[in-house]
Amino acid sequence: MSSKVKLQSLGGGRYELTIYGEDHTIGNLLAKTLLSMDEVEFAYYEKPHHLEDKIVVFINLKDPEADPVNVLVKALDRILGVNSEFRKLYVEALKAKGLTIES
């Protein structure tokens, strides 16, 4: 699935990231990851309406001059790293039980 993304500045280091074609899964994961970052004062997401195919992530950066795109890329890289590590451990656990997984 292809997602469309729109980043809008709300001023003062506050941003609204709208992601079309996504739901609570990516919204929660991205907001929680952003919250764990030093650059981010707070972050949360909303699903405006259950029939709308989008989520909105609200981000408040500690430094209003910080580049929000760099912060988002850093968060996504962190998510990819965690996912990769989880997959590696999962595959190793399967192998230890004599099971395999298809790529």
PDB file of N, CA and C in Angstrom:
ATOM      1  N   MET A   1       0.841  -1.173   0.000  1.00  0.00           N
ATOM      2  CA  MET A   1       0.000   0.000   0.000  1.00  0.00           C
ATOM      3  C   MET A   1       0.889   1.240   0.000  1.00  0.00           C
ATOM      4  N   SER A   2       0.529   2.203  -0.772  1.00  0.00           N
ATOM      5  CA  SER A   2       1.272   3.448  -0.852  1.00  0.00           C
ATOM      6  C   SER A   2       0.583   4.494   0.023  1.00  0.00           C
ATOM      7  N   SER A   3       1.359   5.188   0.822  1.00  0.00           N
ATOM      8  CA  SER A   3       0.805   6.203   1.704  1.00  0.00           C
ATOM      9  C   SER A   3       1.225   7.593   1.241  1.00  0.00           C
ATOM     10  N   LYS A   4       0.317   8.525   1.368  1.00  0.00           N
ATOM     11  CA  LYS A   4       0.614   9.922   1.105  1.00  0.00           C
ATOM     12  C   LYS A   4       0.814  10.592   2.455  1.00  0.00           C
ATOM     13  N   VAL A   5       1.795  11.485   2.520  1.00  0.00           N
ATOM     14  CA  VAL A   5       2.131  12.133   3.778  1.00  0.00           C
ATOM     15  C   VAL A   5       2.124  13.648   3.582  1.00  0.00           C
ATOM     16  N   LYS A   6       1.590  14.366   4.579  1.00  0.00           N
ATOM     17  CA  LYS A   6       1.580  15.827   4.539  1.00  0.00           C
ATOM     18  C   LYS A   6       2.069  16.341   5.893  1.00  0.00           C
ATOM     19  N   LEU A   7       3.135  17.155   5.877  1.00  0.00           N
ATOM     20  CA  LEU A   7       3.682  17.748   7.092  1.00  0.00           C
ATOM     21  C   LEU A   7       3.358  19.231   7.089  1.00  0.00           C
ATOM     22  N   GLN A   8       2.709  19.679   8.147  1.00  0.00           N
ATOM     23  CA  GLN A   8       2.297  21.075   8.238  1.00  0.00           C
ATOM     24  C   GLN A   8       2.830  21.680   9.529  1.00  0.00           C
ATOM     25  N   SER A   9       3.450  22.853   9.424  1.00  0.00           N
ATOM     26  CA  SER A   9       3.936  23.572  10.602  1.00  0.00           C
ATOM     27  C   SER A   9       2.771  24.302  11.260  1.00  0.00           C
ATOM     28  N   LEU A  10       2.702  24.179  12.582  1.00  0.00           N
ATOM     29  CA  LEU A  10       1.692  24.902  13.352  1.00  0.00           C
ATOM     30  C   LEU A  10       2.330  26.067  14.102  1.00  0.00           C
ATOM     31  N   GLY A  11       3.652  26.269  13.880  1.00  0.00           N
ATOM     32  CA  GLY A  11       4.392  27.356  14.509  1.00  0.00           C
ATOM     33  C   GLY A  11       5.005  26.952  15.836  1.00  0.00           C
ATOM     34  N   GLY A  12       6.124  27.559  16.169  1.00  0.00           N
ATOM     35  CA  GLY A  12       6.764  27.337  17.467  1.00  0.00           C
ATOM     36  C   GLY A  12       7.292  25.936  17.680  1.00  0.00           C
ATOM     37  N   GLY A  13       7.691  25.266  16.617  1.00  0.00           N
ATOM     38  CA  GLY A  13       8.212  23.906  16.751  1.00  0.00           C
ATOM     39  C   GLY A  13       7.133  22.841  16.832  1.00  0.00           C
ATOM     40  N   ARG A  14       5.899  23.230  16.534  1.00  0.00           N
ATOM     41  CA  ARG A  14       4.781  22.281  16.549  1.00  0.00           C
ATOM     42  C   ARG A  14       4.422  21.899  15.115  1.00  0.00           C
ATOM     43  N   TYR A  15       4.173  20.613  14.915  1.00  0.00           N
ATOM     44  CA  TYR A  15       3.886  20.107  13.571  1.00  0.00           C
ATOM     45  C   TYR A  15       2.738  19.117  13.600  1.00  0.00           C
ATOM     46  N   GLU A  16       2.068  19.041  12.465  1.00  0.00           N
ATOM     47  CA  GLU A  16       0.991  18.083  12.253  1.00  0.00           C
ATOM     48  C   GLU A  16       1.378  17.241  11.039  1.00  0.00           C
ATOM     49  N   LEU A  17       1.537  15.957  11.250  1.00  0.00           N
ATOM     50  CA  LEU A  17       1.886  15.028  10.181  1.00  0.00           C
ATOM     51  C   LEU A  17       0.661  14.174   9.877  1.00  0.00           C
ATOM     52  N   THR A  18       0.117  14.350   8.682  1.00  0.00           N
ATOM     53  CA  THR A  18      -1.034  13.543   8.267  1.00  0.00           C
ATOM     54  C   THR A  18      -0.525  12.430   7.370  1.00  0.00           C
ATOM     55  N   ILE A  19      -0.891  11.203   7.711  1.00  0.00           N
ATOM     56  CA  ILE A  19      -0.496  10.037   6.920  1.00  0.00           C
ATOM     57  C   ILE A  19      -1.769   9.363   6.420  1.00  0.00           C
ATOM     58  N   TYR A  20      -1.945   9.391   5.112  1.00  0.00           N
ATOM     59  CA  TYR A  20      -3.129   8.796   4.489  1.00  0.00           C
ATOM     60  C   TYR A  20      -2.868   7.323   4.205  1.00  0.00           C
ATOM     61  N   GLY A  21      -3.881   6.516   4.369  1.00  0.00           N
ATOM     62  CA  GLY A  21      -3.763   5.096   4.075  1.00  0.00           C
ATOM     63  C   GLY A  21      -3.171   4.293   5.222  1.00  0.00           C
ATOM     64  N   GLU A  22      -3.112   4.877   6.412  1.00  0.00           N
ATOM     65  CA  GLU A  22      -2.571   4.179   7.575  1.00  0.00           C
ATOM     66  C   GLU A  22      -3.561   4.253   8.724  1.00  0.00           C
ATOM     67  N   ASP A  23      -3.268   3.470   9.768  1.00  0.00           N
ATOM     68  CA  ASP A  23      -4.192   3.397  10.894  1.00  0.00           C
ATOM     69  C   ASP A  23      -3.439   3.458  12.222  1.00  0.00           C
ATOM     70  N   HIS A  24      -4.074   2.963  13.261  1.00  0.00           N
ATOM     71  CA  HIS A  24      -3.522   3.032  14.610  1.00  0.00           C
ATOM     72  C   HIS A  24      -2.144   2.374  14.734  1.00  0.00           C
ATOM     73  N   THR A  25      -1.879   1.363  13.964  1.00  0.00           N
ATOM     74  CA  THR A  25      -0.618   0.636  14.098  1.00  0.00           C
ATOM     75  C   THR A  25       0.568   1.568  13.905  1.00  0.00           C
ATOM     76  N   ILE A  26       0.626   2.250  12.785  1.00  0.00           N
ATOM     77  CA  ILE A  26       1.761   3.138  12.533  1.00  0.00           C
ATOM     78  C   ILE A  26       1.648   4.402  13.375  1.00  0.00           C
ATOM     79  N   GLY A  27       0.440   4.859  13.634  1.00  0.00           N
ATOM     80  CA  GLY A  27       0.267   6.052  14.466  1.00  0.00           C
ATOM     81  C   GLY A  27       0.828   5.874  15.859  1.00  0.00           C
ATOM     82  N   ASN A  28       0.478   4.773  16.489  1.00  0.00           N
ATOM     83  CA  ASN A  28       0.963   4.491  17.836  1.00  0.00           C
ATOM     84  C   ASN A  28       2.470   4.271  17.838  1.00  0.00           C
ATOM     85  N   LEU A  29       2.961   3.482  16.906  1.00  0.00           N
ATOM     86  CA  LEU A  29       4.391   3.182  16.832  1.00  0.00           C
ATOM     87  C   LEU A  29       5.214   4.456  16.617  1.00  0.00           C
ATOM     88  N   LEU A  30       4.788   5.300  15.700  1.00  0.00           N
ATOM     89  CA  LEU A  30       5.533   6.525  15.421  1.00  0.00           C
ATOM     90  C   LEU A  30       5.472   7.496  16.599  1.00  0.00           C
ATOM     91  N   ALA A  31       4.298   7.679  17.176  1.00  0.00           N
ATOM     92  CA  ALA A  31       4.163   8.605  18.308  1.00  0.00           C
ATOM     93  C   ALA A  31       5.001   8.141  19.500  1.00  0.00           C
ATOM     94  N   LYS A  32       4.969   6.850  19.821  1.00  0.00           N
ATOM     95  CA  LYS A  32       5.759   6.322  20.946  1.00  0.00           C
ATOM     96  C   LYS A  32       7.252   6.459  20.680  1.00  0.00           C
ATOM     97  N   THR A  33       7.666   6.223  19.453  1.00  0.00           N
ATOM     98  CA  THR A  33       9.084   6.368  19.112  1.00  0.00           C
ATOM     99  C   THR A  33       9.505   7.827  19.224  1.00  0.00           C
ATOM    100  N   LEU A  34       8.695   8.740  18.720  1.00  0.00           N
ATOM    101  CA  LEU A  34       9.004  10.163  18.817  1.00  0.00           C
ATOM    102  C   LEU A  34       9.113  10.598  20.277  1.00  0.00           C
ATOM    103  N   LEU A  35       8.226  10.083  21.121  1.00  0.00           N
ATOM    104  CA  LEU A  35       8.259  10.431  22.546  1.00  0.00           C
ATOM    105  C   LEU A  35       9.568  10.024  23.214  1.00  0.00           C
ATOM    106  N   SER A  36      10.202   8.985  22.711  1.00  0.00           N
ATOM    107  CA  SER A  36      11.438   8.492  23.318  1.00  0.00           C
ATOM    108  C   SER A  36      12.670   9.284  22.878  1.00  0.00           C
ATOM    109  N   MET A  37      12.491  10.237  21.984  1.00  0.00           N
ATOM    110  CA  MET A  37      13.617  10.981  21.421  1.00  0.00           C
ATOM    111  C   MET A  37      13.863  12.276  22.189  1.00  0.00           C
ATOM    112  N   ASP A  38      15.139  12.619  22.366  1.00  0.00           N
ATOM    113  CA  ASP A  38      15.518  13.822  23.093  1.00  0.00           C
ATOM    114  C   ASP A  38      15.015  15.101  22.428  1.00  0.00           C
ATOM    115  N   GLU A  39      14.890  15.087  21.124  1.00  0.00           N
ATOM    116  CA  GLU A  39      14.502  16.280  20.375  1.00  0.00           C
ATOM    117  C   GLU A  39      13.020  16.633  20.519  1.00  0.00           C
ATOM    118  N   VAL A  40      12.239  15.685  21.029  1.00  0.00           N
ATOM    119  CA  VAL A  40      10.782  15.818  21.026  1.00  0.00           C
ATOM    120  C   VAL A  40      10.261  16.086  22.437  1.00  0.00           C
ATOM    121  N   GLU A  41       9.485  17.161  22.556  1.00  0.00           N
ATOM    122  CA  GLU A  41       8.870  17.499  23.842  1.00  0.00           C
ATOM    123  C   GLU A  41       7.658  16.601  24.092  1.00  0.00           C
ATOM    124  N   PHE A  42       6.791  16.502  23.103  1.00  0.00           N
ATOM    125  CA  PHE A  42       5.690  15.550  23.183  1.00  0.00           C
ATOM    126  C   PHE A  42       5.222  15.188  21.785  1.00  0.00           C
ATOM    127  N   ALA A  43       4.547  14.056  21.702  1.00  0.00           N
ATOM    128  CA  ALA A  43       3.992  13.581  20.438  1.00  0.00           C
ATOM    129  C   ALA A  43       2.809  12.672  20.753  1.00  0.00           C
ATOM    130  N   TYR A  44       1.807  12.742  19.925  1.00  0.00           N
ATOM    131  CA  TYR A  44       0.657  11.846  20.038  1.00  0.00           C
ATOM    132  C   TYR A  44      -0.007  11.768  18.672  1.00  0.00           C
ATOM    133  N   TYR A  45      -0.924  10.834  18.537  1.00  0.00           N
ATOM    134  CA  TYR A  45      -1.613  10.719  17.252  1.00  0.00           C
ATOM    135  C   TYR A  45      -3.114  10.629  17.483  1.00  0.00           C
ATOM    136  N   GLU A  46      -3.842  10.936  16.446  1.00  0.00           N
ATOM    137  CA  GLU A  46      -5.295  10.803  16.455  1.00  0.00           C
ATOM    138  C   GLU A  46      -5.745  10.178  15.148  1.00  0.00           C
ATOM    139  N   LYS A  47      -6.818   9.449  15.218  1.00  0.00           N
ATOM    140  CA  LYS A  47      -7.516   8.990  14.016  1.00  0.00           C
ATOM    141  C   LYS A  47      -8.792   9.816  13.997  1.00  0.00           C
ATOM    142  N   PRO A  48      -8.840  10.842  13.116  1.00  0.00           N
ATOM    143  CA  PRO A  48      -9.949  11.797  13.167  1.00  0.00           C
ATOM    144  C   PRO A  48     -11.339  11.155  13.134  1.00  0.00           C
ATOM    145  N   HIS A  49     -11.505  10.149  12.313  1.00  0.00           N
ATOM    146  CA  HIS A  49     -12.800   9.465  12.215  1.00  0.00           C
ATOM    147  C   HIS A  49     -12.539   8.045  11.742  1.00  0.00           C
ATOM    148  N   HIS A  50     -13.261   7.101  12.292  1.00  0.00           N
ATOM    149  CA  HIS A  50     -12.994   5.691  11.962  1.00  0.00           C
ATOM    150  C   HIS A  50     -13.241   5.355  10.493  1.00  0.00           C
ATOM    151  N   LEU A  51     -13.990   6.166   9.780  1.00  0.00           N
ATOM    152  CA  LEU A  51     -14.216   5.920   8.360  1.00  0.00           C
ATOM    153  C   LEU A  51     -13.200   6.627   7.462  1.00  0.00           C
ATOM    154  N   GLU A  52     -12.408   7.534   8.039  1.00  0.00           N
ATOM    155  CA  GLU A  52     -11.373   8.211   7.265  1.00  0.00           C
ATOM    156  C   GLU A  52     -10.117   7.365   7.260  1.00  0.00           C
ATOM    157  N   ASP A  53      -9.524   7.243   6.106  1.00  0.00           N
ATOM    158  CA  ASP A  53      -8.332   6.400   5.943  1.00  0.00           C
ATOM    159  C   ASP A  53      -7.064   7.232   6.158  1.00  0.00           C
ATOM    160  N   LYS A  54      -6.925   7.765   7.385  1.00  0.00           N
ATOM    161  CA  LYS A  54      -5.746   8.560   7.705  1.00  0.00           C
ATOM    162  C   LYS A  54      -5.566   8.648   9.218  1.00  0.00           C
ATOM    163  N   ILE A  55      -4.347   8.995   9.595  1.00  0.00           N
ATOM    164  CA  ILE A  55      -4.039   9.324  10.980  1.00  0.00           C
ATOM    165  C   ILE A  55      -3.312  10.660  10.979  1.00  0.00           C
ATOM    166  N   VAL A  56      -3.333  11.330  12.117  1.00  0.00           N
ATOM    167  CA  VAL A  56      -2.640  12.598  12.266  1.00  0.00           C
ATOM    168  C   VAL A  56      -1.736  12.487  13.492  1.00  0.00           C
ATOM    169  N   VAL A  57      -0.432  12.729  13.282  1.00  0.00           N
ATOM    170  CA  VAL A  57       0.547  12.691  14.366  1.00  0.00           C
ATOM    171  C   VAL A  57       0.908  14.134  14.690  1.00  0.00           C
ATOM    172  N   PHE A  58       0.765  14.506  15.962  1.00  0.00           N
ATOM    173  CA  PHE A  58       1.114  15.846  16.422  1.00  0.00           C
ATOM    174  C   PHE A  58       2.464  15.775  17.120  1.00  0.00           C
ATOM    175  N   ILE A  59       3.351  16.681  16.756  1.00  0.00           N
ATOM    176  CA  ILE A  59       4.718  16.658  17.267  1.00  0.00           C
ATOM    177  C   ILE A  59       5.063  18.059  17.766  1.00  0.00           C
ATOM    178  N   ASN A  60       5.653  18.124  18.959  1.00  0.00           N
ATOM    179  CA  ASN A  60       6.171  19.380  19.477  1.00  0.00           C
ATOM    180  C   ASN A  60       7.656  19.180  19.745  1.00  0.00           C
ATOM    181  N   LEU A  61       8.500  19.877  18.975  1.00  0.00           N
ATOM    182  CA  LEU A  61       9.944  19.760  19.124  1.00  0.00           C
ATOM    183  C   LEU A  61      10.439  20.712  20.214  1.00  0.00           C
ATOM    184  N   LYS A  62      11.436  20.282  20.967  1.00  0.00           N
ATOM    185  CA  LYS A  62      12.010  21.121  22.014  1.00  0.00           C
ATOM    186  C   LYS A  62      12.661  22.373  21.422  1.00  0.00           C
ATOM    187  N   ASP A  63      13.324  22.212  20.299  1.00  0.00           N
ATOM    188  CA  ASP A  63      13.979  23.325  19.612  1.00  0.00           C
ATOM    189  C   ASP A  63      13.118  23.727  18.417  1.00  0.00           C
ATOM    190  N   PRO A  64      12.486  24.905  18.480  1.00  0.00           N
ATOM    191  CA  PRO A  64      11.627  25.330  17.366  1.00  0.00           C
ATOM    192  C   PRO A  64      12.359  25.463  16.035  1.00  0.00           C
ATOM    193  N   GLU A  65      13.695  25.570  16.079  1.00  0.00           N
ATOM    194  CA  GLU A  65      14.477  25.701  14.853  1.00  0.00           C
ATOM    195  C   GLU A  65      14.899  24.351  14.268  1.00  0.00           C
ATOM    196  N   ALA A  66      14.633  23.269  14.986  1.00  0.00           N
ATOM    197  CA  ALA A  66      15.029  21.936  14.521  1.00  0.00           C
ATOM    198  C   ALA A  66      14.264  21.567  13.259  1.00  0.00           C
ATOM    199  N   ASP A  67      14.896  20.768  12.416  1.00  0.00           N
ATOM    200  CA  ASP A  67      14.273  20.318  11.175  1.00  0.00           C
ATOM    201  C   ASP A  67      13.376  19.112  11.464  1.00  0.00           C
ATOM    202  N   PRO A  68      12.064  19.257  11.304  1.00  0.00           N
ATOM    203  CA  PRO A  68      11.160  18.154  11.625  1.00  0.00           C
ATOM    204  C   PRO A  68      11.362  16.932  10.723  1.00  0.00           C
ATOM    205  N   VAL A  69      11.783  17.161   9.504  1.00  0.00           N
ATOM    206  CA  VAL A  69      12.012  16.036   8.591  1.00  0.00           C
ATOM    207  C   VAL A  69      13.165  15.173   9.117  1.00  0.00           C
ATOM    208  N   ASN A  70      14.240  15.807   9.584  1.00  0.00           N
ATOM    209  CA  ASN A  70      15.355  15.043  10.150  1.00  0.00           C
ATOM    210  C   ASN A  70      14.919  14.250  11.376  1.00  0.00           C
ATOM    211  N   VAL A  71      14.084  14.844  12.209  1.00  0.00           N
ATOM    212  CA  VAL A  71      13.588  14.153  13.406  1.00  0.00           C
ATOM    213  C   VAL A  71      12.733  12.951  12.996  1.00  0.00           C
ATOM    214  N   LEU A  72      11.873  13.132  12.005  1.00  0.00           N
ATOM    215  CA  LEU A  72      11.024  12.030  11.539  1.00  0.00           C
ATOM    216  C   LEU A  72      11.857  10.913  10.913  1.00  0.00           C
ATOM    217  N   VAL A  73      12.860  11.265  10.128  1.00  0.00           N
ATOM    218  CA  VAL A  73      13.729  10.255   9.518  1.00  0.00           C
ATOM    219  C   VAL A  73      14.463   9.475  10.611  1.00  0.00           C
ATOM    220  N   LYS A  74      14.935  10.181  11.625  1.00  0.00           N
ATOM    221  CA  LYS A  74      15.615   9.523  12.747  1.00  0.00           C
ATOM    222  C   LYS A  74      14.666   8.551  13.464  1.00  0.00           C
ATOM    223  N   ALA A  75      13.430   8.972  13.657  1.00  0.00           N
ATOM    224  CA  ALA A  75      12.437   8.101  14.304  1.00  0.00           C
ATOM    225  C   ALA A  75      12.162   6.865  13.447  1.00  0.00           C
ATOM    226  N   LEU A  76      12.011   7.045  12.149  1.00  0.00           N
ATOM    227  CA  LEU A  76      11.750   5.918  11.256  1.00  0.00           C
ATOM    228  C   LEU A  76      12.944   4.968  11.195  1.00  0.00           C
ATOM    229  N   ASP A  77      14.153   5.518  11.210  1.00  0.00           N
ATOM    230  CA  ASP A  77      15.355   4.672  11.255  1.00  0.00           C
ATOM    231  C   ASP A  77      15.380   3.845  12.535  1.00  0.00           C
ATOM    232  N   ARG A  78      14.982   4.460  13.639  1.00  0.00           N
ATOM    233  CA  ARG A  78      14.942   3.750  14.922  1.00  0.00           C
ATOM    234  C   ARG A  78      13.915   2.609  14.862  1.00  0.00           C
ATOM    235  N   ILE A  79      12.767   2.877  14.259  1.00  0.00           N
ATOM    236  CA  ILE A  79      11.727   1.849  14.115  1.00  0.00           C
ATOM    237  C   ILE A  79      12.248   0.696  13.261  1.00  0.00           C
ATOM    238  N   LEU A  80      12.911   1.017  12.155  1.00  0.00           N
ATOM    239  CA  LEU A  80      13.475  -0.036  11.294  1.00  0.00           C
ATOM    240  C   LEU A  80      14.505  -0.875  12.044  1.00  0.00           C
ATOM    241  N   GLY A  81      15.330  -0.226  12.856  1.00  0.00           N
ATOM    242  CA  GLY A  81      16.336  -0.940  13.627  1.00  0.00           C
ATOM    243  C   GLY A  81      15.715  -1.890  14.635  1.00  0.00           C
ATOM    244  N   VAL A  82      14.703  -1.423  15.340  1.00  0.00           N
ATOM    245  CA  VAL A  82      14.016  -2.264  16.328  1.00  0.00           C
ATOM    246  C   VAL A  82      13.338  -3.435  15.630  1.00  0.00           C
ATOM    247  N   ASN A  83      12.700  -3.167  14.491  1.00  0.00           N
ATOM    248  CA  ASN A  83      12.029  -4.220  13.736  1.00  0.00           C
ATOM    249  C   ASN A  83      13.035  -5.271  13.260  1.00  0.00           C
ATOM    250  N   SER A  84      14.172  -4.817  12.770  1.00  0.00           N
ATOM    251  CA  SER A  84      15.212  -5.726  12.293  1.00  0.00           C
ATOM    252  C   SER A  84      15.743  -6.604  13.429  1.00  0.00           C
ATOM    253  N   GLU A  85      15.989  -5.986  14.577  1.00  0.00           N
ATOM    254  CA  GLU A  85      16.482  -6.728  15.739  1.00  0.00           C
ATOM    255  C   GLU A  85      15.441  -7.747  16.209  1.00  0.00           C
ATOM    256  N   PHE A  86      14.178  -7.343  16.255  1.00  0.00           N
ATOM    257  CA  PHE A  86      13.111  -8.258  16.651  1.00  0.00           C
ATOM    258  C   PHE A  86      13.036  -9.446  15.699  1.00  0.00           C
ATOM    259  N   ARG A  87      13.090  -9.183  14.398  1.00  0.00           N
ATOM    260  CA  ARG A  87      13.020 -10.264  13.410  1.00  0.00           C
ATOM    261  C   ARG A  87      14.182 -11.236  13.587  1.00  0.00           C
ATOM    262  N   LYS A  88      15.368 -10.699  13.795  1.00  0.00           N
ATOM    263  CA  LYS A  88      16.558 -11.537  13.986  1.00  0.00           C
ATOM    264  C   LYS A  88      16.377 -12.460  15.191  1.00  0.00           C
ATOM    265  N   LEU A  89      15.937 -11.894  16.316  1.00  0.00           N
ATOM    266  CA  LEU A  89      15.735 -12.699  17.527  1.00  0.00           C
ATOM    267  C   LEU A  89      14.618 -13.730  17.339  1.00  0.00           C
ATOM    268  N   TYR A  90      13.582 -13.346  16.618  1.00  0.00           N
ATOM    269  CA  TYR A  90      12.460 -14.245  16.356  1.00  0.00           C
ATOM    270  C   TYR A  90      12.909 -15.436  15.507  1.00  0.00           C
ATOM    271  N   VAL A  91      13.658 -15.164  14.443  1.00  0.00           N
ATOM    272  CA  VAL A  91      14.157 -16.231  13.566  1.00  0.00           C
ATOM    273  C   VAL A  91      15.096 -17.154  14.339  1.00  0.00           C
ATOM    274  N   GLU A  92      15.961 -16.590  15.173  1.00  0.00           N
ATOM    275  CA  GLU A  92      16.863 -17.403  15.984  1.00  0.00           C
ATOM    276  C   GLU A  92      16.086 -18.301  16.941  1.00  0.00           C
ATOM    277  N   ALA A  93      15.042 -17.786  17.546  1.00  0.00           N
ATOM    278  CA  ALA A  93      14.203 -18.570  18.466  1.00  0.00           C
ATOM    279  C   ALA A  93      13.509 -19.713  17.708  1.00  0.00           C
ATOM    280  N   LEU A  94      13.034 -19.436  16.509  1.00  0.00           N
ATOM    281  CA  LEU A  94      12.417 -20.491  15.702  1.00  0.00           C
ATOM    282  C   LEU A  94      13.410 -21.589  15.371  1.00  0.00           C
ATOM    283  N   LYS A  95      14.610 -21.172  14.973  1.00  0.00           N
ATOM    284  CA  LYS A  95      15.654 -22.152  14.634  1.00  0.00           C
ATOM    285  C   LYS A  95      16.005 -23.011  15.840  1.00  0.00           C
ATOM    286  N   ALA A  96      16.051 -22.401  17.012  1.00  0.00           N
ATOM    287  CA  ALA A  96      16.356 -23.146  18.235  1.00  0.00           C
ATOM    288  C   ALA A  96      15.310 -24.207  18.524  1.00  0.00           C
ATOM    289  N   LYS A  97      14.085 -23.990  18.048  1.00  0.00           N
ATOM    290  CA  LYS A  97      12.998 -24.963  18.222  1.00  0.00           C
ATOM    291  C   LYS A  97      12.874 -25.906  17.034  1.00  0.00           C
ATOM    292  N   GLY A  98      13.803 -25.761  16.066  1.00  0.00           N
ATOM    293  CA  GLY A  98      13.776 -26.630  14.882  1.00  0.00           C
ATOM    294  C   GLY A  98      12.774 -26.191  13.830  1.00  0.00           C
ATOM    295  N   LEU A  99      12.330 -24.960  13.895  1.00  0.00           N
ATOM    296  CA  LEU A  99      11.369 -24.428  12.934  1.00  0.00           C
ATOM    297  C   LEU A  99      12.055 -23.455  12.000  1.00  0.00           C
ATOM    298  N   THR A 100      11.447 -23.186  10.875  1.00  0.00           N
ATOM    299  CA  THR A 100      11.988 -22.206   9.923  1.00  0.00           C
ATOM    300  C   THR A 100      10.896 -21.235   9.535  1.00  0.00           C
ATOM    301  N   ILE A 101      11.324 -20.142   8.936  1.00  0.00           N
ATOM    302  CA  ILE A 101      10.386 -19.140   8.442  1.00  0.00           C
ATOM    303  C   ILE A 101      10.779 -18.823   7.003  1.00  0.00           C
ATOM    304  N   GLU A 102       9.763 -18.637   6.164  1.00  0.00           N
ATOM    305  CA  GLU A 102      10.026 -18.279   4.779  1.00  0.00           C
ATOM    306  C   GLU A 102      10.284 -16.800   4.696  1.00  0.00           C
ATOM    307  N   SER A 103      11.190 -16.392   3.827  1.00  0.00           N
ATOM    308  CA  SER A 103      11.496 -14.949   3.672  1.00  0.00           C
ATOM    309  C   SER A 103      10.431 -14.266   2.883  1.00  0.00           C
TER     310      SER A 103
END
